[in-house]
PDB file of N, CA and C in Angstrom:
ATOM      1  N   UNK A   1      17.513 -42.242  32.015  1.00  0.00           N
ATOM      2  CA  UNK A   1      17.053 -42.447  30.668  1.00  0.00           C
ATOM      3  C   UNK A   1      18.190 -42.211  29.668  1.00  0.00           C
ATOM      4  N   UNK A   2      18.868 -41.055  29.773  1.00  0.00           N
ATOM      5  CA  UNK A   2      19.987 -40.774  28.887  1.00  0.00           C
ATOM      6  C   UNK A   2      21.267 -41.112  29.629  1.00  0.00           C
ATOM      7  N   UNK A   3      22.043 -42.017  29.078  1.00  0.00           N
ATOM      8  CA  UNK A   3      23.248 -42.483  29.755  1.00  0.00           C
ATOM      9  C   UNK A   3      24.395 -41.491  29.608  1.00  0.00           C
ATOM     10  N   UNK A   4      24.563 -40.942  28.425  1.00  0.00           N
ATOM     11  CA  UNK A   4      25.707 -40.071  28.158  1.00  0.00           C
ATOM     12  C   UNK A   4      25.367 -38.623  28.513  1.00  0.00           C
ATOM     13  N   UNK A   5      26.312 -37.885  29.097  1.00  0.00           N
ATOM     14  CA  UNK A   5      26.067 -36.467  29.378  1.00  0.00           C
ATOM     15  C   UNK A   5      25.863 -35.659  28.080  1.00  0.00           C
ATOM     16  N   UNK A   6      26.519 -36.084  26.981  1.00  0.00           N
ATOM     17  CA  UNK A   6      26.342 -35.380  25.701  1.00  0.00           C
ATOM     18  C   UNK A   6      24.916 -35.556  25.176  1.00  0.00           C
ATOM     19  N   UNK A   7      24.395 -36.748  25.275  1.00  0.00           N
ATOM     20  CA  UNK A   7      23.034 -37.011  24.820  1.00  0.00           C
ATOM     21  C   UNK A   7      22.046 -36.229  25.672  1.00  0.00           C
ATOM     22  N   UNK A   8      22.281 -36.218  26.972  1.00  0.00           N
ATOM     23  CA  UNK A   8      21.431 -35.468  27.895  1.00  0.00           C
ATOM     24  C   UNK A   8      21.449 -33.981  27.544  1.00  0.00           C
ATOM     25  N   UNK A   9      22.623 -33.403  27.277  1.00  0.00           N
ATOM     26  CA  UNK A   9      22.745 -31.988  26.929  1.00  0.00           C
ATOM     27  C   UNK A   9      22.059 -31.698  25.584  1.00  0.00           C
ATOM     28  N   UNK A  10      22.224 -32.616  24.619  1.00  0.00           N
ATOM     29  CA  UNK A  10      21.612 -32.435  23.302  1.00  0.00           C
ATOM     30  C   UNK A  10      20.091 -32.381  23.401  1.00  0.00           C
ATOM     31  N   UNK A  11      19.479 -33.344  24.103  1.00  0.00           N
ATOM     32  CA  UNK A  11      18.025 -33.366  24.213  1.00  0.00           C
ATOM     33  C   UNK A  11      17.498 -32.204  25.052  1.00  0.00           C
ATOM     34  N   UNK A  12      18.263 -31.778  26.032  1.00  0.00           N
ATOM     35  CA  UNK A  12      17.869 -30.616  26.830  1.00  0.00           C
ATOM     36  C   UNK A  12      17.859 -29.358  25.951  1.00  0.00           C
ATOM     37  N   UNK A  13      18.870 -29.233  25.081  1.00  0.00           N
ATOM     38  CA  UNK A  13      18.943 -28.083  24.178  1.00  0.00           C
ATOM     39  C   UNK A  13      17.786 -28.114  23.175  1.00  0.00           C
ATOM     40  N   UNK A  14      17.476 -29.291  22.630  1.00  0.00           N
ATOM     41  CA  UNK A  14      16.371 -29.420  21.675  1.00  0.00           C
ATOM     42  C   UNK A  14      15.045 -29.049  22.334  1.00  0.00           C
ATOM     43  N   UNK A  15      14.842 -29.487  23.554  1.00  0.00           N
ATOM     44  CA  UNK A  15      13.608 -29.159  24.267  1.00  0.00           C
ATOM     45  C   UNK A  15      13.528 -27.663  24.545  1.00  0.00           C
ATOM     46  N   UNK A  16      14.647 -27.035  24.877  1.00  0.00           N
ATOM     47  CA  UNK A  16      14.670 -25.588  25.123  1.00  0.00           C
ATOM     48  C   UNK A  16      14.349 -24.794  23.867  1.00  0.00           C
ATOM     49  N   UNK A  17      14.966 -25.173  22.744  1.00  0.00           N
ATOM     50  CA  UNK A  17      14.689 -24.484  21.476  1.00  0.00           C
ATOM     51  C   UNK A  17      13.230 -24.693  21.075  1.00  0.00           C
ATOM     52  N   UNK A  18      12.707 -25.888  21.260  1.00  0.00           N
ATOM     53  CA  UNK A  18      11.301 -26.164  20.953  1.00  0.00           C
ATOM     54  C   UNK A  18      10.371 -25.326  21.813  1.00  0.00           C
ATOM     55  N   UNK A  19      10.691 -25.197  23.096  1.00  0.00           N
ATOM     56  CA  UNK A  19       9.855 -24.394  23.999  1.00  0.00           C
ATOM     57  C   UNK A  19       9.865 -22.928  23.576  1.00  0.00           C
ATOM     58  N   UNK A  20      11.030 -22.421  23.189  1.00  0.00           N
ATOM     59  CA  UNK A  20      11.115 -21.025  22.730  1.00  0.00           C
ATOM     60  C   UNK A  20      10.300 -20.842  21.451  1.00  0.00           C
ATOM     61  N   UNK A  21      10.368 -21.808  20.532  1.00  0.00           N
ATOM     62  CA  UNK A  21       9.573 -21.742  19.298  1.00  0.00           C
ATOM     63  C   UNK A  21       8.086 -21.716  19.578  1.00  0.00           C
ATOM     64  N   UNK A  22       7.643 -22.537  20.504  1.00  0.00           N
ATOM     65  CA  UNK A  22       6.218 -22.573  20.865  1.00  0.00           C
ATOM     66  C   UNK A  22       5.799 -21.233  21.477  1.00  0.00           C
ATOM     67  N   UNK A  23       6.629 -20.672  22.329  1.00  0.00           N
ATOM     68  CA  UNK A  23       6.317 -19.375  22.952  1.00  0.00           C
ATOM     69  C   UNK A  23       6.181 -18.294  21.886  1.00  0.00           C
ATOM     70  N   UNK A  24       7.128 -18.241  20.921  1.00  0.00           N
ATOM     71  CA  UNK A  24       7.041 -17.246  19.851  1.00  0.00           C
ATOM     72  C   UNK A  24       5.794 -17.439  19.003  1.00  0.00           C
ATOM     73  N   UNK A  25       5.456 -18.676  18.699  1.00  0.00           N
ATOM     74  CA  UNK A  25       4.262 -18.962  17.910  1.00  0.00           C
ATOM     75  C   UNK A  25       3.005 -18.475  18.619  1.00  0.00           C
ATOM     76  N   UNK A  26       2.899 -18.777  19.902  1.00  0.00           N
ATOM     77  CA  UNK A  26       1.726 -18.367  20.682  1.00  0.00           C
ATOM     78  C   UNK A  26       1.655 -16.847  20.772  1.00  0.00           C
ATOM     79  N   UNK A  27       2.798 -16.201  21.017  1.00  0.00           N
ATOM     80  CA  UNK A  27       2.801 -14.729  21.096  1.00  0.00           C
ATOM     81  C   UNK A  27       2.393 -14.102  19.773  1.00  0.00           C
ATOM     82  N   UNK A  28       2.892 -14.623  18.680  1.00  0.00           N
ATOM     83  CA  UNK A  28       2.561 -14.070  17.373  1.00  0.00           C
ATOM     84  C   UNK A  28       1.084 -14.251  17.052  1.00  0.00           C
ATOM     85  N   UNK A  29       0.557 -15.409  17.373  1.00  0.00           N
ATOM     86  CA  UNK A  29      -0.832 -15.707  17.050  1.00  0.00           C
ATOM     87  C   UNK A  29      -1.809 -14.874  17.879  1.00  0.00           C
ATOM     88  N   UNK A  30      -1.538 -14.726  19.167  1.00  0.00           N
ATOM     89  CA  UNK A  30      -2.498 -14.070  20.047  1.00  0.00           C
ATOM     90  C   UNK A  30      -2.224 -12.599  20.286  1.00  0.00           C
ATOM     91  N   UNK A  31      -1.086 -12.075  19.870  1.00  0.00           N
ATOM     92  CA  UNK A  31      -0.814 -10.654  20.091  1.00  0.00           C
ATOM     93  C   UNK A  31      -1.712  -9.784  19.228  1.00  0.00           C
ATOM     94  N   UNK A  32      -2.116 -10.233  18.043  1.00  0.00           N
ATOM     95  CA  UNK A  32      -3.004  -9.449  17.195  1.00  0.00           C
ATOM     96  C   UNK A  32      -4.408  -9.388  17.780  1.00  0.00           C
ATOM     97  N   UNK A  33      -4.824 -10.433  18.465  1.00  0.00           N
ATOM     98  CA  UNK A  33      -6.145 -10.426  19.075  1.00  0.00           C
ATOM     99  C   UNK A  33      -6.178  -9.507  20.287  1.00  0.00           C
ATOM    100  N   UNK A  34      -5.084  -9.423  20.994  1.00  0.00           N
ATOM    101  CA  UNK A  34      -5.025  -8.584  22.188  1.00  0.00           C
ATOM    102  C   UNK A  34      -4.939  -7.121  21.804  1.00  0.00           C
ATOM    103  N   UNK A  35      -4.080  -6.782  20.859  1.00  0.00           N
ATOM    104  CA  UNK A  35      -3.885  -5.400  20.452  1.00  0.00           C
ATOM    105  C   UNK A  35      -3.830  -5.316  18.923  1.00  0.00           C
ATOM    106  N   UNK A  36      -4.975  -5.149  18.257  1.00  0.00           N
ATOM    107  CA  UNK A  36      -4.977  -5.146  16.801  1.00  0.00           C
ATOM    108  C   UNK A  36      -4.244  -3.950  16.198  1.00  0.00           C
ATOM    109  N   UNK A  37      -4.142  -2.837  16.905  1.00  0.00           N
ATOM    110  CA  UNK A  37      -3.468  -1.657  16.366  1.00  0.00           C
ATOM    111  C   UNK A  37      -1.966  -1.878  16.219  1.00  0.00           C
ATOM    112  N   UNK A  38      -1.389  -2.765  17.003  1.00  0.00           N
ATOM    113  CA  UNK A  38       0.049  -2.981  16.939  1.00  0.00           C
ATOM    114  C   UNK A  38       0.448  -3.729  15.667  1.00  0.00           C
ATOM    115  N   UNK A  39      -0.418  -4.553  15.119  1.00  0.00           N
ATOM    116  CA  UNK A  39      -0.103  -5.311  13.923  1.00  0.00           C
ATOM    117  C   UNK A  39      -0.097  -4.448  12.677  1.00  0.00           C
ATOM    118  N   UNK A  40      -0.754  -3.336  12.683  1.00  0.00           N
ATOM    119  CA  UNK A  40      -0.833  -2.451  11.536  1.00  0.00           C
ATOM    120  C   UNK A  40      -1.984  -1.491  11.709  1.00  0.00           C
ATOM    121  N   UNK A  41      -1.816  -0.292  11.198  1.00  0.00           N
ATOM    122  CA  UNK A  41      -2.843   0.721  11.353  1.00  0.00           C
ATOM    123  C   UNK A  41      -3.736   0.708  10.122  1.00  0.00           C
ATOM    124  N   UNK A  42      -5.002   0.390  10.290  1.00  0.00           N
ATOM    125  CA  UNK A  42      -5.926   0.313   9.178  1.00  0.00           C
ATOM    126  C   UNK A  42      -6.400   1.683   8.715  1.00  0.00           C
ATOM    127  N   UNK A  43      -6.156   2.728   9.480  1.00  0.00           N
ATOM    128  CA  UNK A  43      -6.598   4.065   9.124  1.00  0.00           C
ATOM    129  C   UNK A  43      -5.657   4.720   8.117  1.00  0.00           C
ATOM    130  N   UNK A  44      -4.433   4.238   7.980  1.00  0.00           N
ATOM    131  CA  UNK A  44      -3.460   4.788   7.042  1.00  0.00           C
ATOM    132  C   UNK A  44      -3.125   3.708   6.026  1.00  0.00           C
ATOM    133  N   UNK A  45      -3.357   4.010   4.737  1.00  0.00           N
ATOM    134  CA  UNK A  45      -3.057   3.051   3.681  1.00  0.00           C
ATOM    135  C   UNK A  45      -2.167   3.712   2.646  1.00  0.00           C
ATOM    136  N   UNK A  46      -1.128   3.010   2.230  1.00  0.00           N
ATOM    137  CA  UNK A  46      -0.265   3.491   1.164  1.00  0.00           C
ATOM    138  C   UNK A  46      -0.873   3.027  -0.151  1.00  0.00           C
ATOM    139  N   UNK A  47      -1.267   3.974  -0.986  1.00  0.00           N
ATOM    140  CA  UNK A  47      -1.905   3.657  -2.255  1.00  0.00           C
ATOM    141  C   UNK A  47      -0.853   3.454  -3.339  1.00  0.00           C
ATOM    142  N   UNK A  48       0.151   4.327  -3.359  1.00  0.00           N
ATOM    143  CA  UNK A  48       1.170   4.249  -4.393  1.00  0.00           C
ATOM    144  C   UNK A  48       2.482   4.817  -3.869  1.00  0.00           C
ATOM    145  N   UNK A  49       3.585   4.335  -4.454  1.00  0.00           N
ATOM    146  CA  UNK A  49       4.913   4.832  -4.084  1.00  0.00           C
ATOM    147  C   UNK A  49       5.752   4.945  -5.345  1.00  0.00           C
ATOM    148  N   UNK A  50       6.450   6.063  -5.468  1.00  0.00           N
ATOM    149  CA  UNK A  50       7.312   6.272  -6.621  1.00  0.00           C
ATOM    150  C   UNK A  50       8.659   6.788  -6.131  1.00  0.00           C
ATOM    151  N   UNK A  51       9.733   6.127  -6.553  1.00  0.00           N
ATOM    152  CA  UNK A  51      11.071   6.540  -6.132  1.00  0.00           C
ATOM    153  C   UNK A  51      11.573   7.656  -7.038  1.00  0.00           C
ATOM    154  N   UNK A  52      12.021   8.735  -6.443  1.00  0.00           N
ATOM    155  CA  UNK A  52      12.608   9.824  -7.205  1.00  0.00           C
ATOM    156  C   UNK A  52      14.122   9.648  -7.276  1.00  0.00           C
ATOM    157  N   UNK A  53      14.727   9.395  -6.141  1.00  0.00           N
ATOM    158  CA  UNK A  53      16.134   9.044  -6.030  1.00  0.00           C
ATOM    159  C   UNK A  53      16.195   7.862  -5.076  1.00  0.00           C
ATOM    160  N   UNK A  54      17.374   7.263  -4.870  1.00  0.00           N
ATOM    161  CA  UNK A  54      17.415   6.123  -3.945  1.00  0.00           C
ATOM    162  C   UNK A  54      16.945   6.436  -2.525  1.00  0.00           C
ATOM    163  N   UNK A  55      17.030   7.696  -2.123  1.00  0.00           N
ATOM    164  CA  UNK A  55      16.650   8.031  -0.748  1.00  0.00           C
ATOM    165  C   UNK A  55      15.476   8.996  -0.658  1.00  0.00           C
ATOM    166  N   UNK A  56      14.786   9.250  -1.764  1.00  0.00           N
ATOM    167  CA  UNK A  56      13.610  10.114  -1.705  1.00  0.00           C
ATOM    168  C   UNK A  56      12.489   9.498  -2.535  1.00  0.00           C
ATOM    169  N   UNK A  57      11.278   9.597  -2.008  1.00  0.00           N
ATOM    170  CA  UNK A  57      10.123   8.943  -2.617  1.00  0.00           C
ATOM    171  C   UNK A  57       8.910   9.863  -2.551  1.00  0.00           C
ATOM    172  N   UNK A  58       7.970   9.631  -3.451  1.00  0.00           N
ATOM    173  CA  UNK A  58       6.647  10.237  -3.384  1.00  0.00           C
ATOM    174  C   UNK A  58       5.659   9.144  -3.027  1.00  0.00           C
ATOM    175  N   UNK A  59       4.836   9.405  -2.042  1.00  0.00           N
ATOM    176  CA  UNK A  59       3.816   8.456  -1.617  1.00  0.00           C
ATOM    177  C   UNK A  59       2.445   9.092  -1.798  1.00  0.00           C
ATOM    178  N   UNK A  60       1.488   8.292  -2.241  1.00  0.00           N
ATOM    179  CA  UNK A  60       0.085   8.684  -2.167  1.00  0.00           C
ATOM    180  C   UNK A  60      -0.522   7.818  -1.082  1.00  0.00           C
ATOM    181  N   UNK A  61      -0.998   8.472  -0.030  1.00  0.00           N
ATOM    182  CA  UNK A  61      -1.556   7.746   1.113  1.00  0.00           C
ATOM    183  C   UNK A  61      -2.996   8.194   1.341  1.00  0.00           C
ATOM    184  N   UNK A  62      -3.765   7.305   1.958  1.00  0.00           N
ATOM    185  CA  UNK A  62      -5.129   7.643   2.333  1.00  0.00           C
ATOM    186  C   UNK A  62      -5.229   7.590   3.848  1.00  0.00           C
ATOM    187  N   UNK A  63      -5.630   8.715   4.428  1.00  0.00           N
ATOM    188  CA  UNK A  63      -5.790   8.819   5.874  1.00  0.00           C
ATOM    189  C   UNK A  63      -7.192   9.336   6.129  1.00  0.00           C
ATOM    190  N   UNK A  64      -8.019   8.520   6.747  1.00  0.00           N
ATOM    191  CA  UNK A  64      -9.394   8.880   7.076  1.00  0.00           C
ATOM    192  C   UNK A  64     -10.119   9.482   5.869  1.00  0.00           C
ATOM    193  N   UNK A  65     -10.129   8.768   4.758  1.00  0.00           N
ATOM    194  CA  UNK A  65     -10.810   9.136   3.513  1.00  0.00           C
ATOM    195  C   UNK A  65     -10.257  10.407   2.871  1.00  0.00           C
ATOM    196  N   UNK A  66      -9.044  10.775   3.199  1.00  0.00           N
ATOM    197  CA  UNK A  66      -8.357  11.884   2.558  1.00  0.00           C
ATOM    198  C   UNK A  66      -7.140  11.340   1.844  1.00  0.00           C
ATOM    199  N   UNK A  67      -6.926  11.721   0.616  1.00  0.00           N
ATOM    200  CA  UNK A  67      -5.758  11.261  -0.128  1.00  0.00           C
ATOM    201  C   UNK A  67      -4.726  12.375  -0.159  1.00  0.00           C
ATOM    202  N   UNK A  68      -3.485  12.025   0.212  1.00  0.00           N
ATOM    203  CA  UNK A  68      -2.403  12.999   0.306  1.00  0.00           C
ATOM    204  C   UNK A  68      -1.213  12.536  -0.508  1.00  0.00           C
ATOM    205  N   UNK A  69      -0.504  13.490  -1.095  1.00  0.00           N
ATOM    206  CA  UNK A  69       0.765  13.205  -1.744  1.00  0.00           C
ATOM    207  C   UNK A  69       1.853  13.682  -0.783  1.00  0.00           C
ATOM    208  N   UNK A  70       2.732  12.754  -0.388  1.00  0.00           N
ATOM    209  CA  UNK A  70       3.785  13.066   0.565  1.00  0.00           C
ATOM    210  C   UNK A  70       5.145  12.895  -0.086  1.00  0.00           C
ATOM    211  N   UNK A  71       6.034  13.850   0.158  1.00  0.00           N
ATOM    212  CA  UNK A  71       7.423  13.730  -0.246  1.00  0.00           C
ATOM    213  C   UNK A  71       8.210  13.231   0.949  1.00  0.00           C
ATOM    214  N   UNK A  72       8.913  12.108   0.780  1.00  0.00           N
ATOM    215  CA  UNK A  72       9.598  11.472   1.907  1.00  0.00           C
ATOM    216  C   UNK A  72      11.079  11.335   1.574  1.00  0.00           C
ATOM    217  N   UNK A  73      11.921  11.845   2.475  1.00  0.00           N
ATOM    218  CA  UNK A  73      13.364  11.663   2.374  1.00  0.00           C
ATOM    219  C   UNK A  73      13.839  11.023   3.670  1.00  0.00           C
ATOM    220  N   UNK A  74      15.165  10.862   3.793  1.00  0.00           N
ATOM    221  CA  UNK A  74      15.721  10.287   5.028  1.00  0.00           C
ATOM    222  C   UNK A  74      15.378  11.127   6.243  1.00  0.00           C
ATOM    223  N   UNK A  75      15.376  12.442   6.072  1.00  0.00           N
ATOM    224  CA  UNK A  75      15.270  13.342   7.209  1.00  0.00           C
ATOM    225  C   UNK A  75      13.917  14.013   7.380  1.00  0.00           C
ATOM    226  N   UNK A  76      13.032  13.912   6.389  1.00  0.00           N
ATOM    227  CA  UNK A  76      11.780  14.649   6.524  1.00  0.00           C
ATOM    228  C   UNK A  76      10.648  13.998   5.745  1.00  0.00           C
ATOM    229  N   UNK A  77       9.444  14.389   6.121  1.00  0.00           N
ATOM    230  CA  UNK A  77       8.223  14.019   5.413  1.00  0.00           C
ATOM    231  C   UNK A  77       7.460  15.315   5.183  1.00  0.00           C
ATOM    232  N   UNK A  78       7.166  15.629   3.918  1.00  0.00           N
ATOM    233  CA  UNK A  78       6.500  16.880   3.581  1.00  0.00           C
ATOM    234  C   UNK A  78       5.218  16.609   2.829  1.00  0.00           C
ATOM    235  N   UNK A  79       4.176  17.381   3.150  1.00  0.00           N
ATOM    236  CA  UNK A  79       2.921  17.309   2.423  1.00  0.00           C
ATOM    237  C   UNK A  79       3.090  18.073   1.118  1.00  0.00           C
ATOM    238  N   UNK A  80       2.936  17.389   0.010  1.00  0.00           N
ATOM    239  CA  UNK A  80       3.068  18.024  -1.299  1.00  0.00           C
ATOM    240  C   UNK A  80       1.719  18.566  -1.748  1.00  0.00           C
ATOM    241  N   UNK A  81       0.681  17.741  -1.630  1.00  0.00           N
ATOM    242  CA  UNK A  81      -0.639  18.166  -2.088  1.00  0.00           C
ATOM    243  C   UNK A  81      -1.713  17.264  -1.506  1.00  0.00           C
ATOM    244  N   UNK A  82      -2.897  17.843  -1.278  1.00  0.00           N
ATOM    245  CA  UNK A  82      -4.076  17.060  -0.934  1.00  0.00           C
ATOM    246  C   UNK A  82      -4.827  16.798  -2.228  1.00  0.00           C
ATOM    247  N   UNK A  83      -5.166  15.555  -2.481  1.00  0.00           N
ATOM    248  CA  UNK A  83      -5.863  15.200  -3.715  1.00  0.00           C
ATOM    249  C   UNK A  83      -7.363  15.205  -3.503  1.00  0.00           C
ATOM    250  N   UNK A  84      -8.077  15.735  -4.478  1.00  0.00           N
ATOM    251  CA  UNK A  84      -9.526  15.686  -4.472  1.00  0.00           C
ATOM    252  C   UNK A  84      -9.941  14.775  -5.616  1.00  0.00           C
ATOM    253  N   UNK A  85      -9.896  13.483  -5.363  1.00  0.00           N
ATOM    254  CA  UNK A  85     -10.105  12.466  -6.379  1.00  0.00           C
ATOM    255  C   UNK A  85     -11.529  12.501  -6.925  1.00  0.00           C
ATOM    256  N   UNK A  86     -12.519  12.751  -6.086  1.00  0.00           N
ATOM    257  CA  UNK A  86     -13.916  12.708  -6.528  1.00  0.00           C
ATOM    258  C   UNK A  86     -14.191  13.726  -7.633  1.00  0.00           C
ATOM    259  N   UNK A  87     -13.664  14.953  -7.485  1.00  0.00           N
ATOM    260  CA  UNK A  87     -13.867  15.978  -8.514  1.00  0.00           C
ATOM    261  C   UNK A  87     -13.215  15.565  -9.818  1.00  0.00           C
ATOM    262  N   UNK A  88     -12.015  14.987  -9.732  1.00  0.00           N
ATOM    263  CA  UNK A  88     -11.294  14.576 -10.931  1.00  0.00           C
ATOM    264  C   UNK A  88     -12.074  13.493 -11.681  1.00  0.00           C
ATOM    265  N   UNK A  89     -12.622  12.545 -10.953  1.00  0.00           N
ATOM    266  CA  UNK A  89     -13.395  11.472 -11.584  1.00  0.00           C
ATOM    267  C   UNK A  89     -14.644  12.030 -12.258  1.00  0.00           C
ATOM    268  N   UNK A  90     -15.327  12.981 -11.599  1.00  0.00           N
ATOM    269  CA  UNK A  90     -16.507  13.583 -12.191  1.00  0.00           C
ATOM    270  C   UNK A  90     -16.159  14.318 -13.477  1.00  0.00           C
ATOM    271  N   UNK A  91     -15.054  15.065 -13.483  1.00  0.00           N
ATOM    272  CA  UNK A  91     -14.643  15.789 -14.675  1.00  0.00           C
ATOM    273  C   UNK A  91     -14.284  14.827 -15.800  1.00  0.00           C
ATOM    274  N   UNK A  92     -13.600  13.747 -15.482  1.00  0.00           N
ATOM    275  CA  UNK A  92     -13.242  12.778 -16.508  1.00  0.00           C
ATOM    276  C   UNK A  92     -14.486  12.110 -17.096  1.00  0.00           C
ATOM    277  N   UNK A  93     -15.475  11.832 -16.258  1.00  0.00           N
ATOM    278  CA  UNK A  93     -16.711  11.240 -16.762  1.00  0.00           C
ATOM    279  C   UNK A  93     -17.436  12.209 -17.683  1.00  0.00           C
ATOM    280  N   UNK A  94     -17.454  13.504 -17.341  1.00  0.00           N
ATOM    281  CA  UNK A  94     -18.091  14.494 -18.207  1.00  0.00           C
ATOM    282  C   UNK A  94     -17.365  14.578 -19.538  1.00  0.00           C
ATOM    283  N   UNK A  95     -16.036  14.554 -19.507  1.00  0.00           N
ATOM    284  CA  UNK A  95     -15.267  14.608 -20.751  1.00  0.00           C
ATOM    285  C   UNK A  95     -15.527  13.376 -21.606  1.00  0.00           C
ATOM    286  N   UNK A  96     -15.654  12.217 -20.992  1.00  0.00           N
ATOM    287  CA  UNK A  96     -15.936  11.003 -21.755  1.00  0.00           C
ATOM    288  C   UNK A  96     -17.326  11.047 -22.368  1.00  0.00           C
ATOM    289  N   UNK A  97     -18.280  11.654 -21.664  1.00  0.00           N
ATOM    290  CA  UNK A  97     -19.625  11.771 -22.216  1.00  0.00           C
ATOM    291  C   UNK A  97     -19.627  12.652 -23.465  1.00  0.00           C
ATOM    292  N   UNK A  98     -18.760  13.656 -23.500  1.00  0.00           N
ATOM    293  CA  UNK A  98     -18.692  14.554 -24.652  1.00  0.00           C
ATOM    294  C   UNK A  98     -18.004  13.918 -25.852  1.00  0.00           C
ATOM    295  N   UNK A  99     -17.275  12.835 -25.651  1.00  0.00           N
ATOM    296  CA  UNK A  99     -16.500  12.225 -26.721  1.00  0.00           C
ATOM    297  C   UNK A  99     -17.232  11.029 -27.332  1.00  0.00           C
ATOM    298  N   UNK A 100     -18.466  10.839 -27.026  1.00  0.00           N
ATOM    299  CA  UNK A 100     -19.222   9.700 -27.542  1.00  0.00           C
ATOM    300  C   UNK A 100     -19.279   9.772 -29.069  1.00  0.00           C
ATOM    301  N   UNK A 101     -19.070   8.640 -29.715  1.00  0.00           N
ATOM    302  CA  UNK A 101     -19.081   8.569 -31.180  1.00  0.00           C
ATOM    303  C   UNK A 101     -20.529   8.453 -31.649  1.00  0.00           C
ATOM    304  N   UNK A 102     -20.949   9.428 -32.475  1.00  0.00           N
ATOM    305  CA  UNK A 102     -22.327   9.438 -32.966  1.00  0.00           C
ATOM    306  C   UNK A 102     -22.410   9.075 -34.446  1.00  0.00           C
ATOM    307  N   UNK A 103     -21.328   9.302 -35.155  1.00  0.00           N
ATOM    308  CA  UNK A 103     -21.316   9.056 -36.594  1.00  0.00           C
ATOM    309  C   UNK A 103     -20.260   7.999 -36.907  1.00  0.00           C
ATOM    310  N   UNK A 104     -20.532   7.013 -37.748  1.00  0.00           N
ATOM    311  CA  UNK A 104     -19.533   5.992 -38.070  1.00  0.00           C
ATOM    312  C   UNK A 104     -18.251   6.559 -38.660  1.00  0.00           C
ATOM    313  N   UNK A 105     -18.309   7.759 -39.249  1.00  0.00           N
ATOM    314  CA  UNK A 105     -17.100   8.384 -39.788  1.00  0.00           C
ATOM    315  C   UNK A 105     -16.157   8.834 -38.671  1.00  0.00           C
ATOM    316  N   UNK A 106     -16.702   8.994 -37.473  1.00  0.00           N
ATOM    317  CA  UNK A 106     -15.897   9.469 -36.340  1.00  0.00           C
ATOM    318  C   UNK A 106     -15.115   8.352 -35.656  1.00  0.00           C
ATOM    319  N   UNK A 107     -15.077   7.189 -36.244  1.00  0.00           N
ATOM    320  CA  UNK A 107     -14.387   6.069 -35.619  1.00  0.00           C
ATOM    321  C   UNK A 107     -12.870   6.198 -35.745  1.00  0.00           C
ATOM    322  N   UNK A 108     -12.374   6.997 -36.661  1.00  0.00           N
ATOM    323  CA  UNK A 108     -10.931   7.107 -36.860  1.00  0.00           C
ATOM    324  C   UNK A 108     -10.265   7.718 -35.628  1.00  0.00           C
ATOM    325  N   UNK A 109      -9.021   7.336 -35.433  1.00  0.00           N
ATOM    326  CA  UNK A 109      -8.259   7.843 -34.297  1.00  0.00           C
ATOM    327  C   UNK A 109      -8.055   9.347 -34.416  1.00  0.00           C
ATOM    328  N   UNK A 110      -7.889   9.816 -35.623  1.00  0.00           N
ATOM    329  CA  UNK A 110      -7.666  11.248 -35.856  1.00  0.00           C
ATOM    330  C   UNK A 110      -8.857  12.062 -35.359  1.00  0.00           C
ATOM    331  N   UNK A 111     -10.066  11.647 -35.701  1.00  0.00           N
ATOM    332  CA  UNK A 111     -11.250  12.390 -35.265  1.00  0.00           C
ATOM    333  C   UNK A 111     -11.448  12.265 -33.747  1.00  0.00           C
ATOM    334  N   UNK A 112     -11.165  11.098 -33.198  1.00  0.00           N
ATOM    335  CA  UNK A 112     -11.272  10.919 -31.749  1.00  0.00           C
ATOM    336  C   UNK A 112     -10.300  11.849 -31.026  1.00  0.00           C
ATOM    337  N   UNK A 113      -9.068  11.935 -31.527  1.00  0.00           N
ATOM    338  CA  UNK A 113      -8.051  12.786 -30.912  1.00  0.00           C
ATOM    339  C   UNK A 113      -8.449  14.253 -31.005  1.00  0.00           C
ATOM    340  N   UNK A 114      -9.018  14.679 -32.128  1.00  0.00           N
ATOM    341  CA  UNK A 114      -9.465  16.064 -32.272  1.00  0.00           C
ATOM    342  C   UNK A 114     -10.549  16.396 -31.244  1.00  0.00           C
ATOM    343  N   UNK A 115     -11.509  15.492 -31.088  1.00  0.00           N
ATOM    344  CA  UNK A 115     -12.576  15.730 -30.111  1.00  0.00           C
ATOM    345  C   UNK A 115     -12.031  15.772 -28.691  1.00  0.00           C
ATOM    346  N   UNK A 116     -11.092  14.899 -28.386  1.00  0.00           N
ATOM    347  CA  UNK A 116     -10.515  14.848 -27.034  1.00  0.00           C
ATOM    348  C   UNK A 116      -9.765  16.133 -26.736  1.00  0.00           C
ATOM    349  N   UNK A 117      -9.016  16.640 -27.695  1.00  0.00           N
ATOM    350  CA  UNK A 117      -8.234  17.869 -27.490  1.00  0.00           C
ATOM    351  C   UNK A 117      -9.148  19.075 -27.407  1.00  0.00           C
ATOM    352  N   UNK A 118     -10.178  19.144 -28.229  1.00  0.00           N
ATOM    353  CA  UNK A 118     -11.078  20.274 -28.218  1.00  0.00           C
ATOM    354  C   UNK A 118     -11.933  20.328 -26.960  1.00  0.00           C
ATOM    355  N   UNK A 119     -12.243  19.210 -26.357  1.00  0.00           N
ATOM    356  CA  UNK A 119     -13.068  19.194 -25.155  1.00  0.00           C
ATOM    357  C   UNK A 119     -12.310  19.600 -23.909  1.00  0.00           C
ATOM    358  N   UNK A 120     -11.004  19.595 -23.949  1.00  0.00           N
ATOM    359  CA  UNK A 120     -10.235  19.965 -22.746  1.00  0.00           C
ATOM    360  C   UNK A 120      -9.881  21.385 -22.751  1.00  0.00           C
TER     361      UNK A 120
END
């Protein structure tokens, strides 16, 4: 079919590269179905990340419904604090309930700020 050895080598190489591409595609597509944990861990979620220096960061992560603040450097990972988000939200809702505007004179920013500061 192919008269020239160069043409034969070229088409053989193209078929080999194509076969490797198909193998990678099949492995990528079906490896998640075989082992879903390898594609990513759904039990650990990064909620937020803040860089302190180029090589140190603060992460807020959620692990099994627990929120943690982690300090991460090149050499270590340290637990900074466990967050209790539910209590904080409840307190903020109570504070907002106390700041409800009842009188039209209280619409000014000055009066709103006074109420906010006095309630805390």
